Amino acid sequence: MINYRPGELDQRITIEREILVDDGIGGQEVTLTNIATCISAHSRNLSGKESERYDKLNATSLNMFVVRYRNDLREDDRINWGNIEYNIRHIPNNGGRKLYTEIIAERGVAQ
């Protein structure tokens, strides 16, 4: 793990999670709730690609977000950064005492 200085966490992200809520007629519906808002983060692009399928151009991007250590994140959560949604794909467990959490997230694809 790379060490980060607080000044490098210069972006603001929101962590969102899908939850089930009662719909009022005996069923449930899926809604988003914010787990954390305005978190300081560092973002680094890892890769990106474009492909054409069924006469449609598809673009994806893989980013790594670094935030101060959190133990409440799950890989089915998502990140909202600048009104762009990123699906969390992996949260590496580097073991030991951690100051930061690295999050691998992808945009441009369905969960």
PDB file of N, CA and C in Angstrom:
ATOM      1  N   MET A   1       0.838  -1.186   0.000  1.00  0.00           N
ATOM      2  CA  MET A   1       0.000   0.000   0.000  1.00  0.00           C
ATOM      3  C   MET A   1       0.876   1.239   0.000  1.00  0.00           C
ATOM      4  N   ILE A   2       0.476   2.199  -0.793  1.00  0.00           N
ATOM      5  CA  ILE A   2       1.186   3.467  -0.870  1.00  0.00           C
ATOM      6  C   ILE A   2       0.692   4.367   0.247  1.00  0.00           C
ATOM      7  N   ASN A   3       1.575   5.140   0.825  1.00  0.00           N
ATOM      8  CA  ASN A   3       1.175   6.100   1.841  1.00  0.00           C
ATOM      9  C   ASN A   3       0.684   7.369   1.171  1.00  0.00           C
ATOM     10  N   TYR A   4      -0.381   7.922   1.679  1.00  0.00           N
ATOM     11  CA  TYR A   4      -0.970   9.137   1.137  1.00  0.00           C
ATOM     12  C   TYR A   4      -0.894  10.220   2.186  1.00  0.00           C
ATOM     13  N   ARG A   5      -0.744  11.440   1.729  1.00  0.00           N
ATOM     14  CA  ARG A   5      -0.790  12.583   2.622  1.00  0.00           C
ATOM     15  C   ARG A   5      -2.209  13.141   2.587  1.00  0.00           C
ATOM     16  N   PRO A   6      -2.683  13.703   3.693  1.00  0.00           N
ATOM     17  CA  PRO A   6      -4.056  14.228   3.714  1.00  0.00           C
ATOM     18  C   PRO A   6      -4.377  15.180   2.572  1.00  0.00           C
ATOM     19  N   GLY A   7      -3.422  15.978   2.100  1.00  0.00           N
ATOM     20  CA  GLY A   7      -3.662  16.904   1.009  1.00  0.00           C
ATOM     21  C   GLY A   7      -3.940  16.221  -0.321  1.00  0.00           C
ATOM     22  N   GLU A   8      -3.553  14.945  -0.440  1.00  0.00           N
ATOM     23  CA  GLU A   8      -3.795  14.218  -1.679  1.00  0.00           C
ATOM     24  C   GLU A   8      -5.225  13.703  -1.778  1.00  0.00           C
ATOM     25  N   LEU A   9      -5.933  13.679  -0.672  1.00  0.00           N
ATOM     26  CA  LEU A   9      -7.342  13.258  -0.676  1.00  0.00           C
ATOM     27  C   LEU A   9      -8.180  14.499  -0.992  1.00  0.00           C
ATOM     28  N   ASP A  10      -8.103  14.940  -2.260  1.00  0.00           N
ATOM     29  CA  ASP A  10      -8.662  16.229  -2.635  1.00  0.00           C
ATOM     30  C   ASP A  10      -9.978  16.145  -3.405  1.00  0.00           C
ATOM     31  N   GLN A  11     -10.546  14.964  -3.534  1.00  0.00           N
ATOM     32  CA  GLN A  11     -11.826  14.793  -4.215  1.00  0.00           C
ATOM     33  C   GLN A  11     -12.908  14.469  -3.182  1.00  0.00           C
ATOM     34  N   ARG A  12     -14.157  14.700  -3.530  1.00  0.00           N
ATOM     35  CA  ARG A  12     -15.281  14.390  -2.637  1.00  0.00           C
ATOM     36  C   ARG A  12     -16.155  13.333  -3.302  1.00  0.00           C
ATOM     37  N   ILE A  13     -16.414  12.246  -2.573  1.00  0.00           N
ATOM     38  CA  ILE A  13     -17.256  11.172  -3.092  1.00  0.00           C
ATOM     39  C   ILE A  13     -18.366  10.856  -2.100  1.00  0.00           C
ATOM     40  N   THR A  14     -19.380  10.156  -2.591  1.00  0.00           N
ATOM     41  CA  THR A  14     -20.468   9.652  -1.759  1.00  0.00           C
ATOM     42  C   THR A  14     -20.532   8.146  -1.949  1.00  0.00           C
ATOM     43  N   ILE A  15     -20.680   7.413  -0.863  1.00  0.00           N
ATOM     44  CA  ILE A  15     -20.849   5.961  -0.922  1.00  0.00           C
ATOM     45  C   ILE A  15     -22.337   5.666  -0.793  1.00  0.00           C
ATOM     46  N   GLU A  16     -22.877   4.900  -1.743  1.00  0.00           N
ATOM     47  CA  GLU A  16     -24.302   4.576  -1.763  1.00  0.00           C
ATOM     48  C   GLU A  16     -24.500   3.074  -1.644  1.00  0.00           C
ATOM     49  N   ARG A  17     -25.634   2.681  -1.064  1.00  0.00           N
ATOM     50  CA  ARG A  17     -25.979   1.265  -0.918  1.00  0.00           C
ATOM     51  C   ARG A  17     -27.449   1.068  -1.246  1.00  0.00           C
ATOM     52  N   GLU A  18     -27.747  -0.003  -1.968  1.00  0.00           N
ATOM     53  CA  GLU A  18     -29.140  -0.359  -2.241  1.00  0.00           C
ATOM     54  C   GLU A  18     -29.721  -1.044  -1.013  1.00  0.00           C
ATOM     55  N   ILE A  19     -30.932  -0.636  -0.628  1.00  0.00           N
ATOM     56  CA  ILE A  19     -31.633  -1.284   0.478  1.00  0.00           C
ATOM     57  C   ILE A  19     -33.069  -1.551   0.055  1.00  0.00           C
ATOM     58  N   LEU A  20     -33.713  -2.501   0.735  1.00  0.00           N
ATOM     59  CA  LEU A  20     -35.118  -2.801   0.496  1.00  0.00           C
ATOM     60  C   LEU A  20     -35.972  -2.031   1.491  1.00  0.00           C
ATOM     61  N   VAL A  21     -37.021  -1.378   0.992  1.00  0.00           N
ATOM     62  CA  VAL A  21     -37.963  -0.666   1.856  1.00  0.00           C
ATOM     63  C   VAL A  21     -39.373  -1.123   1.508  1.00  0.00           C
ATOM     64  N   ASP A  22     -40.257  -1.056   2.487  1.00  0.00           N
ATOM     65  CA  ASP A  22     -41.651  -1.424   2.252  1.00  0.00           C
ATOM     66  C   ASP A  22     -42.281  -0.450   1.267  1.00  0.00           C
ATOM     67  N   ASP A  23     -43.067  -0.998   0.346  1.00  0.00           N
ATOM     68  CA  ASP A  23     -43.702  -0.148  -0.664  1.00  0.00           C
ATOM     69  C   ASP A  23     -45.106   0.290  -0.264  1.00  0.00           C
ATOM     70  N   GLY A  24     -45.571  -0.119   0.915  1.00  0.00           N
ATOM     71  CA  GLY A  24     -46.869   0.320   1.405  1.00  0.00           C
ATOM     72  C   GLY A  24     -48.024  -0.577   1.003  1.00  0.00           C
ATOM     73  N   ILE A  25     -47.785  -1.552   0.116  1.00  0.00           N
ATOM     74  CA  ILE A  25     -48.860  -2.457  -0.293  1.00  0.00           C
ATOM     75  C   ILE A  25     -48.443  -3.919  -0.095  1.00  0.00           C
ATOM     76  N   GLY A  26     -47.563  -4.124   0.880  1.00  0.00           N
ATOM     77  CA  GLY A  26     -47.173  -5.488   1.227  1.00  0.00           C
ATOM     78  C   GLY A  26     -45.929  -6.011   0.548  1.00  0.00           C
ATOM     79  N   GLY A  27     -45.342  -5.223  -0.288  1.00  0.00           N
ATOM     80  CA  GLY A  27     -44.121  -5.650  -0.978  1.00  0.00           C
ATOM     81  C   GLY A  27     -42.934  -4.802  -0.578  1.00  0.00           C
ATOM     82  N   GLN A  28     -41.873  -4.971  -1.313  1.00  0.00           N
ATOM     83  CA  GLN A  28     -40.672  -4.182  -1.070  1.00  0.00           C
ATOM     84  C   GLN A  28     -40.131  -3.662  -2.389  1.00  0.00           C
ATOM     85  N   GLU A  29     -39.446  -2.538  -2.302  1.00  0.00           N
ATOM     86  CA  GLU A  29     -38.787  -1.984  -3.471  1.00  0.00           C
ATOM     87  C   GLU A  29     -37.367  -1.590  -3.099  1.00  0.00           C
ATOM     88  N   VAL A  30     -36.527  -1.545  -4.116  1.00  0.00           N
ATOM     89  CA  VAL A  30     -35.128  -1.204  -3.910  1.00  0.00           C
ATOM     90  C   VAL A  30     -34.952   0.298  -4.003  1.00  0.00           C
ATOM     91  N   THR A  31     -34.224   0.869  -3.058  1.00  0.00           N
ATOM     92  CA  THR A  31     -33.908   2.291  -3.081  1.00  0.00           C
ATOM     93  C   THR A  31     -32.461   2.484  -2.661  1.00  0.00           C
ATOM     94  N   LEU A  32     -31.900   3.622  -3.007  1.00  0.00           N
ATOM     95  CA  LEU A  32     -30.522   3.933  -2.636  1.00  0.00           C
ATOM     96  C   LEU A  32     -30.487   4.760  -1.363  1.00  0.00           C
ATOM     97  N   THR A  33     -29.528   4.475  -0.512  1.00  0.00           N
ATOM     98  CA  THR A  33     -29.297   5.295   0.668  1.00  0.00           C
ATOM     99  C   THR A  33     -27.816   5.649   0.706  1.00  0.00           C
ATOM    100  N   ASN A  34     -27.519   6.813   1.231  1.00  0.00           N
ATOM    101  CA  ASN A  34     -26.133   7.245   1.353  1.00  0.00           C
ATOM    102  C   ASN A  34     -25.531   6.663   2.627  1.00  0.00           C
ATOM    103  N   ILE A  35     -24.451   5.916   2.466  1.00  0.00           N
ATOM    104  CA  ILE A  35     -23.716   5.390   3.617  1.00  0.00           C
ATOM    105  C   ILE A  35     -22.823   6.481   4.187  1.00  0.00           C
ATOM    106  N   ALA A  36     -22.208   7.245   3.304  1.00  0.00           N
ATOM    107  CA  ALA A  36     -21.342   8.352   3.714  1.00  0.00           C
ATOM    108  C   ALA A  36     -21.342   9.397   2.604  1.00  0.00           C
ATOM    109  N   THR A  37     -21.410  10.663   2.990  1.00  0.00           N
ATOM    110  CA  THR A  37     -21.399  11.731   2.003  1.00  0.00           C
ATOM    111  C   THR A  37     -20.189  12.629   2.214  1.00  0.00           C
ATOM    112  N   CYS A  38     -19.744  13.212   1.151  1.00  0.00           N
ATOM    113  CA  CYS A  38     -18.642  14.181   1.172  1.00  0.00           C
ATOM    114  C   CYS A  38     -17.378  13.608   1.825  1.00  0.00           C
ATOM    115  N   ILE A  39     -17.026  12.381   1.423  1.00  0.00           N
ATOM    116  CA  ILE A  39     -15.811  11.740   1.925  1.00  0.00           C
ATOM    117  C   ILE A  39     -14.626  12.263   1.114  1.00  0.00           C
ATOM    118  N   SER A  40     -13.541  12.574   1.798  1.00  0.00           N
ATOM    119  CA  SER A  40     -12.319  12.964   1.109  1.00  0.00           C
ATOM    120  C   SER A  40     -11.689  11.736   0.484  1.00  0.00           C
ATOM    121  N   ALA A  41     -11.302  11.844  -0.777  1.00  0.00           N
ATOM    122  CA  ALA A  41     -10.761  10.691  -1.498  1.00  0.00           C
ATOM    123  C   ALA A  41      -9.707  11.130  -2.497  1.00  0.00           C
ATOM    124  N   HIS A  42      -8.904  10.166  -2.890  1.00  0.00           N
ATOM    125  CA  HIS A  42      -7.945  10.327  -3.979  1.00  0.00           C
ATOM    126  C   HIS A  42      -8.403   9.371  -5.072  1.00  0.00           C
ATOM    127  N   SER A  43      -8.418   9.817  -6.322  1.00  0.00           N
ATOM    128  CA  SER A  43      -8.837   8.957  -7.418  1.00  0.00           C
ATOM    129  C   SER A  43      -7.707   8.835  -8.428  1.00  0.00           C
ATOM    130  N   ARG A  44      -7.526   7.604  -8.906  1.00  0.00           N
ATOM    131  CA  ARG A  44      -6.522   7.355  -9.936  1.00  0.00           C
ATOM    132  C   ARG A  44      -7.121   6.416 -10.967  1.00  0.00           C
ATOM    133  N   ASN A  45      -7.030   6.799 -12.238  1.00  0.00           N
ATOM    134  CA  ASN A  45      -7.540   5.947 -13.302  1.00  0.00           C
ATOM    135  C   ASN A  45      -6.586   4.792 -13.522  1.00  0.00           C
ATOM    136  N   LEU A  46      -7.121   3.564 -13.526  1.00  0.00           N
ATOM    137  CA  LEU A  46      -6.299   2.381 -13.746  1.00  0.00           C
ATOM    138  C   LEU A  46      -6.336   1.923 -15.192  1.00  0.00           C
ATOM    139  N   SER A  47      -7.520   1.988 -15.810  1.00  0.00           N
ATOM    140  CA  SER A  47      -7.640   1.585 -17.209  1.00  0.00           C
ATOM    141  C   SER A  47      -8.969   2.083 -17.762  1.00  0.00           C
ATOM    142  N   GLY A  48      -9.070   2.003 -19.060  1.00  0.00           N
ATOM    143  CA  GLY A  48     -10.310   2.373 -19.736  1.00  0.00           C
ATOM    144  C   GLY A  48     -10.348   1.702 -21.089  1.00  0.00           C
ATOM    145  N   LYS A  49     -11.556   1.480 -21.589  1.00  0.00           N
ATOM    146  CA  LYS A  49     -11.665   0.874 -22.917  1.00  0.00           C
ATOM    147  C   LYS A  49     -12.999   1.239 -23.551  1.00  0.00           C
ATOM    148  N   GLU A  50     -13.017   1.155 -24.847  1.00  0.00           N
ATOM    149  CA  GLU A  50     -14.239   1.364 -25.618  1.00  0.00           C
ATOM    150  C   GLU A  50     -14.472   0.124 -26.464  1.00  0.00           C
ATOM    151  N   SER A  51     -15.729  -0.206 -26.651  1.00  0.00           N
ATOM    152  CA  SER A  51     -16.073  -1.318 -27.532  1.00  0.00           C
ATOM    153  C   SER A  51     -17.387  -0.992 -28.215  1.00  0.00           C
ATOM    154  N   GLU A  52     -17.584  -1.596 -29.362  1.00  0.00           N
ATOM    155  CA  GLU A  52     -18.831  -1.400 -30.092  1.00  0.00           C
ATOM    156  C   GLU A  52     -19.575  -2.727 -30.113  1.00  0.00           C
ATOM    157  N   ARG A  53     -20.826  -2.680 -29.703  1.00  0.00           N
ATOM    158  CA  ARG A  53     -21.642  -3.884 -29.678  1.00  0.00           C
ATOM    159  C   ARG A  53     -23.061  -3.494 -30.034  1.00  0.00           C
ATOM    160  N   TYR A  54     -23.626  -4.229 -30.963  1.00  0.00           N
ATOM    161  CA  TYR A  54     -24.986  -3.954 -31.435  1.00  0.00           C
ATOM    162  C   TYR A  54     -25.126  -2.499 -31.883  1.00  0.00           C
ATOM    163  N   ASP A  55     -24.126  -2.013 -32.635  1.00  0.00           N
ATOM    164  CA  ASP A  55     -24.109  -0.653 -33.167  1.00  0.00           C
ATOM    165  C   ASP A  55     -24.181   0.415 -32.081  1.00  0.00           C
ATOM    166  N   LYS A  56     -23.677   0.089 -30.899  1.00  0.00           N
ATOM    167  CA  LYS A  56     -23.651   1.046 -29.803  1.00  0.00           C
ATOM    168  C   LYS A  56     -22.239   1.087 -29.240  1.00  0.00           C
ATOM    169  N   LEU A  57     -21.728   2.294 -28.987  1.00  0.00           N
ATOM    170  CA  LEU A  57     -20.401   2.464 -28.425  1.00  0.00           C
ATOM    171  C   LEU A  57     -20.495   2.387 -26.905  1.00  0.00           C
ATOM    172  N   ASN A  58     -19.739   1.492 -26.299  1.00  0.00           N
ATOM    173  CA  ASN A  58     -19.714   1.320 -24.855  1.00  0.00           C
ATOM    174  C   ASN A  58     -18.335   1.688 -24.335  1.00  0.00           C
ATOM    175  N   ALA A  59     -18.282   2.481 -23.291  1.00  0.00           N
ATOM    176  CA  ALA A  59     -17.012   2.878 -22.692  1.00  0.00           C
ATOM    177  C   ALA A  59     -17.028   2.524 -21.214  1.00  0.00           C
ATOM    178  N   THR A  60     -15.927   1.950 -20.746  1.00  0.00           N
ATOM    179  CA  THR A  60     -15.797   1.626 -19.329  1.00  0.00           C
ATOM    180  C   THR A  60     -14.494   2.219 -18.804  1.00  0.00           C
ATOM    181  N   SER A  61     -14.456   2.445 -17.517  1.00  0.00           N
ATOM    182  CA  SER A  61     -13.271   2.991 -16.872  1.00  0.00           C
ATOM    183  C   SER A  61     -13.112   2.320 -15.514  1.00  0.00           C
ATOM    184  N   LEU A  62     -11.896   1.920 -15.183  1.00  0.00           N
ATOM    185  CA  LEU A  62     -11.587   1.311 -13.897  1.00  0.00           C
ATOM    186  C   LEU A  62     -10.745   2.295 -13.101  1.00  0.00           C
ATOM    187  N   ASN A  63     -11.213   2.660 -11.917  1.00  0.00           N
ATOM    188  CA  ASN A  63     -10.524   3.624 -11.068  1.00  0.00           C
ATOM    189  C   ASN A  63     -10.214   3.014  -9.713  1.00  0.00           C
ATOM    190  N   MET A  64      -9.177   3.560  -9.074  1.00  0.00           N
ATOM    191  CA  MET A  64      -8.916   3.231  -7.680  1.00  0.00           C
ATOM    192  C   MET A  64      -9.187   4.489  -6.862  1.00  0.00           C
ATOM    193  N   PHE A  65     -10.034   4.355  -5.864  1.00  0.00           N
ATOM    194  CA  PHE A  65     -10.314   5.434  -4.932  1.00  0.00           C
ATOM    195  C   PHE A  65      -9.645   5.084  -3.610  1.00  0.00           C
ATOM    196  N   VAL A  66      -9.027   6.063  -2.989  1.00  0.00           N
ATOM    197  CA  VAL A  66      -8.399   5.868  -1.689  1.00  0.00           C
ATOM    198  C   VAL A  66      -9.081   6.811  -0.706  1.00  0.00           C
ATOM    199  N   VAL A  67      -9.565   6.250   0.407  1.00  0.00           N
ATOM    200  CA  VAL A  67     -10.233   7.028   1.447  1.00  0.00           C
ATOM    201  C   VAL A  67      -9.595   6.681   2.779  1.00  0.00           C
ATOM    202  N   ARG A  68      -9.839   7.499   3.772  1.00  0.00           N
ATOM    203  CA  ARG A  68      -9.379   7.139   5.119  1.00  0.00           C
ATOM    204  C   ARG A  68     -10.036   5.807   5.492  1.00  0.00           C
ATOM    205  N   TYR A  69      -9.376   5.045   6.337  1.00  0.00           N
ATOM    206  CA  TYR A  69      -9.803   3.674   6.629  1.00  0.00           C
ATOM    207  C   TYR A  69     -11.275   3.608   7.027  1.00  0.00           C
ATOM    208  N   ARG A  70     -11.975   2.667   6.397  1.00  0.00           N
ATOM    209  CA  ARG A  70     -13.381   2.371   6.717  1.00  0.00           C
ATOM    210  C   ARG A  70     -13.546   0.862   6.703  1.00  0.00           C
ATOM    211  N   ASN A  71     -14.320   0.349   7.635  1.00  0.00           N
ATOM    212  CA  ASN A  71     -14.579  -1.093   7.651  1.00  0.00           C
ATOM    213  C   ASN A  71     -16.039  -1.425   7.363  1.00  0.00           C
ATOM    214  N   ASP A  72     -16.806  -0.431   6.900  1.00  0.00           N
ATOM    215  CA  ASP A  72     -18.235  -0.639   6.650  1.00  0.00           C
ATOM    216  C   ASP A  72     -18.583  -0.713   5.168  1.00  0.00           C
ATOM    217  N   LEU A  73     -17.590  -0.805   4.305  1.00  0.00           N
ATOM    218  CA  LEU A  73     -17.846  -0.841   2.870  1.00  0.00           C
ATOM    219  C   LEU A  73     -18.020  -2.268   2.389  1.00  0.00           C
ATOM    220  N   ARG A  74     -18.873  -2.424   1.373  1.00  0.00           N
ATOM    221  CA  ARG A  74     -19.105  -3.737   0.768  1.00  0.00           C
ATOM    222  C   ARG A  74     -18.918  -3.628  -0.735  1.00  0.00           C
ATOM    223  N   GLU A  75     -18.668  -4.761  -1.364  1.00  0.00           N
ATOM    224  CA  GLU A  75     -18.424  -4.761  -2.803  1.00  0.00           C
ATOM    225  C   GLU A  75     -19.697  -4.608  -3.624  1.00  0.00           C
ATOM    226  N   ASP A  76     -20.864  -4.600  -2.985  1.00  0.00           N
ATOM    227  CA  ASP A  76     -22.088  -4.303  -3.727  1.00  0.00           C
ATOM    228  C   ASP A  76     -22.527  -2.843  -3.536  1.00  0.00           C
ATOM    229  N   ASP A  77     -21.706  -2.034  -2.853  1.00  0.00           N
ATOM    230  CA  ASP A  77     -21.951  -0.598  -2.736  1.00  0.00           C
ATOM    231  C   ASP A  77     -21.490   0.086  -4.013  1.00  0.00           C
ATOM    232  N   ARG A  78     -21.763   1.372  -4.118  1.00  0.00           N
ATOM    233  CA  ARG A  78     -21.241   2.120  -5.253  1.00  0.00           C
ATOM    234  C   ARG A  78     -20.802   3.505  -4.827  1.00  0.00           C
ATOM    235  N   ILE A  79     -20.006   4.109  -5.680  1.00  0.00           N
ATOM    236  CA  ILE A  79     -19.440   5.431  -5.423  1.00  0.00           C
ATOM    237  C   ILE A  79     -20.064   6.415  -6.404  1.00  0.00           C
ATOM    238  N   ASN A  80     -20.428   7.584  -5.910  1.00  0.00           N
ATOM    239  CA  ASN A  80     -20.886   8.667  -6.763  1.00  0.00           C
ATOM    240  C   ASN A  80     -19.832   9.762  -6.677  1.00  0.00           C
ATOM    241  N   TRP A  81     -19.191  10.028  -7.811  1.00  0.00           N
ATOM    242  CA  TRP A  81     -18.125  11.032  -7.876  1.00  0.00           C
ATOM    243  C   TRP A  81     -18.431  11.961  -9.033  1.00  0.00           C
ATOM    244  N   GLY A  82     -18.748  13.192  -8.727  1.00  0.00           N
ATOM    245  CA  GLY A  82     -19.072  14.166  -9.779  1.00  0.00           C
ATOM    246  C   GLY A  82     -20.291  13.765 -10.577  1.00  0.00           C
ATOM    247  N   ASN A  83     -21.295  13.202  -9.923  1.00  0.00           N
ATOM    248  CA  ASN A  83     -22.525  12.724 -10.557  1.00  0.00           C
ATOM    249  C   ASN A  83     -22.290  11.582 -11.537  1.00  0.00           C
ATOM    250  N   ILE A  84     -21.183  10.881 -11.391  1.00  0.00           N
ATOM    251  CA  ILE A  84     -20.910   9.681 -12.176  1.00  0.00           C
ATOM    252  C   ILE A  84     -20.863   8.509 -11.200  1.00  0.00           C
ATOM    253  N   GLU A  85     -21.602   7.451 -11.522  1.00  0.00           N
ATOM    254  CA  GLU A  85     -21.669   6.295 -10.634  1.00  0.00           C
ATOM    255  C   GLU A  85     -20.607   5.265 -10.993  1.00  0.00           C
ATOM    256  N   TYR A  86     -19.936   4.765  -9.975  1.00  0.00           N
ATOM    257  CA  TYR A  86     -18.931   3.720 -10.113  1.00  0.00           C
ATOM    258  C   TYR A  86     -19.367   2.536  -9.263  1.00  0.00           C
ATOM    259  N   ASN A  87     -19.414   1.348  -9.843  1.00  0.00           N
ATOM    260  CA  ASN A  87     -19.724   0.132  -9.090  1.00  0.00           C
ATOM    261  C   ASN A  87     -18.445  -0.368  -8.431  1.00  0.00           C
ATOM    262  N   ILE A  88     -18.502  -0.603  -7.133  1.00  0.00           N
ATOM    263  CA  ILE A  88     -17.332  -1.126  -6.436  1.00  0.00           C
ATOM    264  C   ILE A  88     -17.139  -2.571  -6.853  1.00  0.00           C
ATOM    265  N   ARG A  89     -15.952  -2.885  -7.324  1.00  0.00           N
ATOM    266  CA  ARG A  89     -15.622  -4.231  -7.786  1.00  0.00           C
ATOM    267  C   ARG A  89     -14.773  -4.998  -6.798  1.00  0.00           C
ATOM    268  N   HIS A  90     -13.895  -4.296  -6.067  1.00  0.00           N
ATOM    269  CA  HIS A  90     -12.992  -4.998  -5.157  1.00  0.00           C
ATOM    270  C   HIS A  90     -12.480  -4.028  -4.095  1.00  0.00           C
ATOM    271  N   ILE A  91     -12.388  -4.527  -2.863  1.00  0.00           N
ATOM    272  CA  ILE A  91     -11.791  -3.771  -1.766  1.00  0.00           C
ATOM    273  C   ILE A  91     -10.660  -4.641  -1.232  1.00  0.00           C
ATOM    274  N   PRO A  92      -9.426  -4.399  -1.683  1.00  0.00           N
ATOM    275  CA  PRO A  92      -8.313  -5.252  -1.264  1.00  0.00           C
ATOM    276  C   PRO A  92      -8.132  -5.245   0.251  1.00  0.00           C
ATOM    277  N   ASN A  93      -7.902  -6.415   0.811  1.00  0.00           N
ATOM    278  CA  ASN A  93      -7.621  -6.545   2.235  1.00  0.00           C
ATOM    279  C   ASN A  93      -6.118  -6.718   2.381  1.00  0.00           C
ATOM    280  N   ASN A  94      -5.456  -5.648   2.750  1.00  0.00           N
ATOM    281  CA  ASN A  94      -4.005  -5.689   2.860  1.00  0.00           C
ATOM    282  C   ASN A  94      -3.527  -6.130   4.233  1.00  0.00           C
ATOM    283  N   GLY A  95      -4.456  -6.430   5.126  1.00  0.00           N
ATOM    284  CA  GLY A  95      -4.098  -6.921   6.456  1.00  0.00           C
ATOM    285  C   GLY A  95      -3.426  -5.852   7.306  1.00  0.00           C
ATOM    286  N   GLY A  96      -3.238  -6.185   8.577  1.00  0.00           N
ATOM    287  CA  GLY A  96      -2.556  -5.275   9.491  1.00  0.00           C
ATOM    288  C   GLY A  96      -3.341  -4.015   9.777  1.00  0.00           C
ATOM    289  N   ARG A  97      -2.667  -3.092  10.422  1.00  0.00           N
ATOM    290  CA  ARG A  97      -3.286  -1.812  10.739  1.00  0.00           C
ATOM    291  C   ARG A  97      -3.240  -0.930   9.509  1.00  0.00           C
ATOM    292  N   LYS A  98      -4.366  -0.338   9.188  1.00  0.00           N
ATOM    293  CA  LYS A  98      -4.455   0.455   7.974  1.00  0.00           C
ATOM    294  C   LYS A  98      -4.862   1.883   8.299  1.00  0.00           C
ATOM    295  N   LEU A  99      -4.300   2.797   7.551  1.00  0.00           N
ATOM    296  CA  LEU A  99      -4.716   4.194   7.634  1.00  0.00           C
ATOM    297  C   LEU A  99      -5.693   4.533   6.524  1.00  0.00           C
ATOM    298  N   TYR A 100      -5.600   3.787   5.419  1.00  0.00           N
ATOM    299  CA  TYR A 100      -6.411   4.080   4.242  1.00  0.00           C
ATOM    300  C   TYR A 100      -7.046   2.803   3.707  1.00  0.00           C
ATOM    301  N   THR A 101      -8.155   2.976   3.008  1.00  0.00           N
ATOM    302  CA  THR A 101      -8.825   1.880   2.312  1.00  0.00           C
ATOM    303  C   THR A 101      -8.771   2.168   0.819  1.00  0.00           C
ATOM    304  N   GLU A 102      -8.301   1.192   0.073  1.00  0.00           N
ATOM    305  CA  GLU A 102      -8.288   1.300  -1.383  1.00  0.00           C
ATOM    306  C   GLU A 102      -9.539   0.618  -1.921  1.00  0.00           C
ATOM    307  N   ILE A 103     -10.177   1.240  -2.904  1.00  0.00           N
ATOM    308  CA  ILE A 103     -11.408   0.728  -3.490  1.00  0.00           C
ATOM    309  C   ILE A 103     -11.239   0.704  -5.006  1.00  0.00           C
ATOM    310  N   ILE A 104     -11.415  -0.455  -5.610  1.00  0.00           N
ATOM    311  CA  ILE A 104     -11.383  -0.577  -7.062  1.00  0.00           C
ATOM    312  C   ILE A 104     -12.826  -0.497  -7.543  1.00  0.00           C
ATOM    313  N   ALA A 105     -13.115   0.464  -8.420  1.00  0.00           N
ATOM    314  CA  ALA A 105     -14.493   0.680  -8.890  1.00  0.00           C
ATOM    315  C   ALA A 105     -14.501   0.910 -10.392  1.00  0.00           C
ATOM    316  N   GLU A 106     -15.628   0.535 -11.012  1.00  0.00           N
ATOM    317  CA  GLU A 106     -15.759   0.600 -12.460  1.00  0.00           C
ATOM    318  C   GLU A 106     -17.015   1.394 -12.828  1.00  0.00           C
ATOM    319  N   ARG A 107     -16.895   2.194 -13.878  1.00  0.00           N
ATOM    320  CA  ARG A 107     -18.064   2.920 -14.375  1.00  0.00           C
ATOM    321  C   ARG A 107     -18.351   2.469 -15.801  1.00  0.00           C
ATOM    322  N   GLY A 108     -19.585   2.656 -16.205  1.00  0.00           N
ATOM    323  CA  GLY A 108     -19.958   2.329 -17.576  1.00  0.00           C
ATOM    324  C   GLY A 108     -20.501   0.932 -17.749  1.00  0.00           C
ATOM    325  N   VAL A 109     -20.731   0.200 -16.647  1.00  0.00           N
ATOM    326  CA  VAL A 109     -21.280  -1.148 -16.714  1.00  0.00           C
ATOM    327  C   VAL A 109     -22.368  -1.294 -15.666  1.00  0.00           C
ATOM    328  N   ALA A 110     -23.197  -2.307 -15.848  1.00  0.00           N
ATOM    329  CA  ALA A 110     -24.245  -2.589 -14.873  1.00  0.00           C
ATOM    330  C   ALA A 110     -23.678  -3.361 -13.699  1.00  0.00           C
ATOM    331  N   GLN A 111     -24.329  -3.266 -12.565  1.00  0.00           N
ATOM    332  CA  GLN A 111     -23.887  -3.990 -11.365  1.00  0.00           C
ATOM    333  C   GLN A 111     -24.063  -5.448 -11.615  1.00  0.00           C
TER     334      GLN A 111
END
